[in-house]
C-alpha atoms as a PDB file:
ATOM      1  CA  UNK A   1       0.073  -0.067  -0.229  1.00  0.00           C
ATOM      2  CA  UNK A   2       3.166   2.171   1.020  1.00  0.00           C
ATOM      3  CA  UNK A   3       4.358   1.551  -2.564  1.00  0.00           C
ATOM      4  CA  UNK A   4       1.141   2.455  -4.272  1.00  0.00           C
ATOM      5  CA  UNK A   5       0.804   5.794  -2.654  1.00  0.00           C
ATOM      6  CA  UNK A   6       4.254   6.678  -4.078  1.00  0.00           C
ATOM      7  CA  UNK A   7       3.421   5.714  -7.059  1.00  0.00           C
ATOM      8  CA  UNK A   8       0.442   7.641  -7.219  1.00  0.00           C
ATOM      9  CA  UNK A   9       2.343  10.803  -5.936  1.00  0.00           C
ATOM     10  CA  UNK A  10       5.114  10.216  -8.592  1.00  0.00           C
ATOM     11  CA  UNK A  11       2.107  10.608 -11.206  1.00  0.00           C
ATOM     12  CA  UNK A  12       0.144  13.590  -9.936  1.00  0.00           C
ATOM     13  CA  UNK A  13      -0.874  15.596 -12.297  1.00  0.00           C
ATOM     14  CA  UNK A  14       0.332  19.207 -11.202  1.00  0.00           C
ATOM     15  CA  UNK A  15       2.065  20.799  -8.209  1.00  0.00           C
ATOM     16  CA  UNK A  16       1.143  23.384  -6.363  1.00  0.00           C
ATOM     17  CA  UNK A  17       2.730  26.343  -4.599  1.00  0.00           C
ATOM     18  CA  UNK A  18       1.381  29.554  -2.554  1.00  0.00           C
ATOM     19  CA  UNK A  19       2.588  32.910  -2.776  1.00  0.00           C
ATOM     20  CA  UNK A  20       1.892  36.134  -0.941  1.00  0.00           C
ATOM     21  CA  UNK A  21       1.012  39.334  -2.786  1.00  0.00           C
ATOM     22  CA  UNK A  22       4.549  40.923  -1.851  1.00  0.00           C
ATOM     23  CA  UNK A  23       6.058  38.114  -3.881  1.00  0.00           C
ATOM     24  CA  UNK A  24       3.944  38.411  -6.574  1.00  0.00           C
ATOM     25  CA  UNK A  25       4.682  42.322  -6.982  1.00  0.00           C
ATOM     26  CA  UNK A  26       8.204  42.078  -6.253  1.00  0.00           C
ATOM     27  CA  UNK A  27       9.402  38.901  -8.045  1.00  0.00           C
ATOM     28  CA  UNK A  28      11.027  39.678 -11.442  1.00  0.00           C
ATOM     29  CA  UNK A  29       9.735  36.758 -13.133  1.00  0.00           C
ATOM     30  CA  UNK A  30       6.088  37.941 -13.059  1.00  0.00           C
ATOM     31  CA  UNK A  31       6.152  40.617 -15.916  1.00  0.00           C
ATOM     32  CA  UNK A  32       4.792  44.188 -15.069  1.00  0.00           C
ATOM     33  CA  UNK A  33       1.747  43.743 -17.510  1.00  0.00           C
ATOM     34  CA  UNK A  34       0.633  40.470 -15.735  1.00  0.00           C
ATOM     35  CA  UNK A  35       1.295  41.862 -12.328  1.00  0.00           C
ATOM     36  CA  UNK A  36      -0.793  45.004 -13.121  1.00  0.00           C
ATOM     37  CA  UNK A  37      -3.662  42.414 -14.724  1.00  0.00           C
ATOM     38  CA  UNK A  38      -3.981  40.024 -11.870  1.00  0.00           C
ATOM     39  CA  UNK A  39      -6.426  40.727  -9.020  1.00  0.00           C
ATOM     40  CA  UNK A  40      -5.317  42.367  -6.131  1.00  0.00           C
ATOM     41  CA  UNK A  41      -5.440  39.501  -3.709  1.00  0.00           C
ATOM     42  CA  UNK A  42      -3.485  38.571  -0.234  1.00  0.00           C
ATOM     43  CA  UNK A  43      -2.208  35.334  -1.456  1.00  0.00           C
ATOM     44  CA  UNK A  44      -1.878  33.211  -5.060  1.00  0.00           C
ATOM     45  CA  UNK A  45      -1.963  29.743  -5.765  1.00  0.00           C
ATOM     46  CA  UNK A  46       0.387  28.613  -8.476  1.00  0.00           C
ATOM     47  CA  UNK A  47      -0.153  25.499 -10.194  1.00  0.00           C
ATOM     48  CA  UNK A  48       2.276  23.981 -12.010  1.00  0.00           C
ATOM     49  CA  UNK A  49       1.880  21.209 -15.266  1.00  0.00           C
ATOM     50  CA  UNK A  50       4.608  19.770 -16.691  1.00  0.00           C
ATOM     51  CA  UNK A  51       4.285  17.670 -19.514  1.00  0.00           C
ATOM     52  CA  UNK A  52       7.019  16.543 -22.020  1.00  0.00           C
ATOM     53  CA  UNK A  53       8.886  19.753 -22.810  1.00  0.00           C
ATOM     54  CA  UNK A  54       6.209  22.279 -21.949  1.00  0.00           C
ATOM     55  CA  UNK A  55       5.782  23.836 -18.135  1.00  0.00           C
ATOM     56  CA  UNK A  56       2.367  25.729 -17.574  1.00  0.00           C
ATOM     57  CA  UNK A  57       1.983  27.798 -14.799  1.00  0.00           C
ATOM     58  CA  UNK A  58      -1.895  28.717 -13.619  1.00  0.00           C
ATOM     59  CA  UNK A  59      -2.162  31.665 -11.001  1.00  0.00           C
ATOM     60  CA  UNK A  60      -5.372  31.679  -8.647  1.00  0.00           C
ATOM     61  CA  UNK A  61      -5.824  34.820  -6.475  1.00  0.00           C
ATOM     62  CA  UNK A  62      -7.040  33.811  -3.134  1.00  0.00           C
ATOM     63  CA  UNK A  63      -7.528  35.213   0.529  1.00  0.00           C
ATOM     64  CA  UNK A  64      -6.226  32.105   2.020  1.00  0.00           C
ATOM     65  CA  UNK A  65      -2.951  30.327   2.132  1.00  0.00           C
ATOM     66  CA  UNK A  66      -4.571  27.167   3.652  1.00  0.00           C
ATOM     67  CA  UNK A  67      -5.065  25.132   0.400  1.00  0.00           C
ATOM     68  CA  UNK A  68      -5.380  21.789  -0.213  1.00  0.00           C
ATOM     69  CA  UNK A  69      -5.250  19.293  -2.943  1.00  0.00           C
ATOM     70  CA  UNK A  70      -7.078  16.443  -3.290  1.00  0.00           C
ATOM     71  CA  UNK A  71      -5.841  13.779  -5.619  1.00  0.00           C
ATOM     72  CA  UNK A  72      -8.473  11.148  -6.760  1.00  0.00           C
ATOM     73  CA  UNK A  73      -6.814   7.625  -8.205  1.00  0.00           C
ATOM     74  CA  UNK A  74      -9.462   6.320 -10.357  1.00  0.00           C
ATOM     75  CA  UNK A  75      -9.724   2.828 -12.480  1.00  0.00           C
ATOM     76  CA  UNK A  76     -10.857   4.855 -15.482  1.00  0.00           C
ATOM     77  CA  UNK A  77     -12.210   7.991 -16.319  1.00  0.00           C
ATOM     78  CA  UNK A  78     -16.001   8.397 -17.209  1.00  0.00           C
ATOM     79  CA  UNK A  79     -18.669  10.984 -17.091  1.00  0.00           C
ATOM     80  CA  UNK A  80     -20.284   8.860 -14.550  1.00  0.00           C
ATOM     81  CA  UNK A  81     -17.241   9.704 -12.240  1.00  0.00           C
ATOM     82  CA  UNK A  82     -17.151  13.187 -12.852  1.00  0.00           C
ATOM     83  CA  UNK A  83     -20.330  13.503 -11.907  1.00  0.00           C
ATOM     84  CA  UNK A  84     -19.861  11.298  -8.727  1.00  0.00           C
ATOM     85  CA  UNK A  85     -17.197  13.703  -7.548  1.00  0.00           C
ATOM     86  CA  UNK A  86     -19.221  16.621  -8.560  1.00  0.00           C
ATOM     87  CA  UNK A  87     -22.124  15.374  -6.498  1.00  0.00           C
ATOM     88  CA  UNK A  88     -19.806  14.927  -3.458  1.00  0.00           C
ATOM     89  CA  UNK A  89     -18.724  18.647  -3.610  1.00  0.00           C
ATOM     90  CA  UNK A  90     -21.922  19.660  -3.914  1.00  0.00           C
ATOM     91  CA  UNK A  91     -23.563  17.579  -0.791  1.00  0.00           C
ATOM     92  CA  UNK A  92     -20.616  18.611   1.381  1.00  0.00           C
ATOM     93  CA  UNK A  93     -21.124  22.676   0.203  1.00  0.00           C
ATOM     94  CA  UNK A  94     -17.408  22.921  -1.050  1.00  0.00           C
ATOM     95  CA  UNK A  95     -17.725  23.412  -5.073  1.00  0.00           C
ATOM     96  CA  UNK A  96     -17.490  27.058  -4.579  1.00  0.00           C
ATOM     97  CA  UNK A  97     -14.475  26.671  -2.640  1.00  0.00           C
ATOM     98  CA  UNK A  98     -12.695  24.850  -5.376  1.00  0.00           C
ATOM     99  CA  UNK A  99      -9.888  27.170  -7.069  1.00  0.00           C
ATOM    100  CA  UNK A 100      -9.100  24.239  -9.880  1.00  0.00           C
ATOM    101  CA  UNK A 101     -10.155  20.945 -10.627  1.00  0.00           C
ATOM    102  CA  UNK A 102      -8.622  18.611 -13.706  1.00  0.00           C
ATOM    103  CA  UNK A 103      -8.029  15.000 -14.259  1.00  0.00           C
ATOM    104  CA  UNK A 104      -5.622  13.086 -16.652  1.00  0.00           C
ATOM    105  CA  UNK A 105      -5.241   9.514 -17.651  1.00  0.00           C
ATOM    106  CA  UNK A 106      -1.484   7.978 -18.189  1.00  0.00           C
ATOM    107  CA  UNK A 107      -3.007   4.680 -19.385  1.00  0.00           C
ATOM    108  CA  UNK A 108      -6.589   3.278 -19.773  1.00  0.00           C
ATOM    109  CA  UNK A 109      -6.716   2.089 -16.240  1.00  0.00           C
ATOM    110  CA  UNK A 110      -4.195   4.780 -14.473  1.00  0.00           C
ATOM    111  CA  UNK A 111      -6.506   7.885 -14.082  1.00  0.00           C
ATOM    112  CA  UNK A 112      -6.188  10.733 -11.465  1.00  0.00           C
ATOM    113  CA  UNK A 113      -8.312  13.484 -10.807  1.00  0.00           C
ATOM    114  CA  UNK A 114      -7.339  16.456  -8.466  1.00  0.00           C
ATOM    115  CA  UNK A 115      -8.970  19.495  -7.183  1.00  0.00           C
ATOM    116  CA  UNK A 116      -7.147  22.563  -5.250  1.00  0.00           C
ATOM    117  CA  UNK A 117      -9.807  23.495  -2.502  1.00  0.00           C
ATOM    118  CA  UNK A 118      -9.632  26.317   0.225  1.00  0.00           C
ATOM    119  CA  UNK A 119      -8.258  24.041   2.976  1.00  0.00           C
ATOM    120  CA  UNK A 120     -10.349  26.072   5.686  1.00  0.00           C
ATOM    121  CA  UNK A 121     -13.695  24.762   4.248  1.00  0.00           C
ATOM    122  CA  UNK A 122     -12.592  21.423   3.832  1.00  0.00           C
ATOM    123  CA  UNK A 123     -11.475  20.923   7.327  1.00  0.00           C
ATOM    124  CA  UNK A 124     -14.829  22.102   8.692  1.00  0.00           C
ATOM    125  CA  UNK A 125     -16.491  19.319   6.513  1.00  0.00           C
ATOM    126  CA  UNK A 126     -14.022  16.736   8.256  1.00  0.00           C
ATOM    127  CA  UNK A 127     -11.438  15.418   5.714  1.00  0.00           C
ATOM    128  CA  UNK A 128     -11.796  11.847   6.788  1.00  0.00           C
ATOM    129  CA  UNK A 129     -15.891  12.382   5.835  1.00  0.00           C
ATOM    130  CA  UNK A 130     -14.545  13.989   2.468  1.00  0.00           C
ATOM    131  CA  UNK A 131     -12.283  11.175   1.668  1.00  0.00           C
ATOM    132  CA  UNK A 132     -15.141   8.309   2.961  1.00  0.00           C
ATOM    133  CA  UNK A 133     -17.662   9.926   0.284  1.00  0.00           C
ATOM    134  CA  UNK A 134     -15.188  10.087  -2.362  1.00  0.00           C
ATOM    135  CA  UNK A 135     -14.050   6.287  -1.559  1.00  0.00           C
ATOM    136  CA  UNK A 136     -17.975   5.567  -2.070  1.00  0.00           C
ATOM    137  CA  UNK A 137     -17.879   6.483  -5.530  1.00  0.00           C
ATOM    138  CA  UNK A 138     -17.693   3.344  -7.720  1.00  0.00           C
ATOM    139  CA  UNK A 139     -14.133   3.286  -9.457  1.00  0.00           C
ATOM    140  CA  UNK A 140     -12.452   5.386  -7.024  1.00  0.00           C
ATOM    141  CA  UNK A 141      -9.406   3.627  -5.943  1.00  0.00           C
ATOM    142  CA  UNK A 142      -7.757   6.044  -3.532  1.00  0.00           C
ATOM    143  CA  UNK A 143      -8.334   9.689  -1.917  1.00  0.00           C
ATOM    144  CA  UNK A 144      -5.036  11.625  -0.770  1.00  0.00           C
ATOM    145  CA  UNK A 145      -4.769  15.073   0.470  1.00  0.00           C
ATOM    146  CA  UNK A 146      -1.774  17.374   0.318  1.00  0.00           C
ATOM    147  CA  UNK A 147      -1.012  20.786   2.115  1.00  0.00           C
ATOM    148  CA  UNK A 148      -0.246  23.063  -0.469  1.00  0.00           C
ATOM    149  CA  UNK A 149       2.826  24.906   0.987  1.00  0.00           C
ATOM    150  CA  UNK A 150       3.606  28.533   1.079  1.00  0.00           C
ATOM    151  CA  UNK A 151       6.913  29.820  -0.281  1.00  0.00           C
ATOM    152  CA  UNK A 152       9.102  31.078   2.362  1.00  0.00           C
END
């Protein structure tokens, strides 16, 4: 089981990092026109998606630096699974706290779905209950929660 969890971590879709407003405004990697266009927020969730020779970076303004990623391993990707995941988020009143959600299959039987969500709200709903509800969905194999780190 430990080896399987390590394998899941290796195949995750993306990596997240939180920066604060000062970092966004002072870091020279962000062009001036981008800094001026991005919504002024206390924190920014950066999501790094690396595929072959391309690195894509998404930036989501947020008031909280408590962001969690939910990584869901699936037997396969199907509309029913996506609807089941969406239904759980709706039933637990968490959909409005989702910052980013995506899915990917490396092979037919090696699929993942992940959601970055404001952790304050997730913790109120009891993480173990959220995990239990996702695991009740047919063809969900595992659910892993990850705290997104703040750049220091």
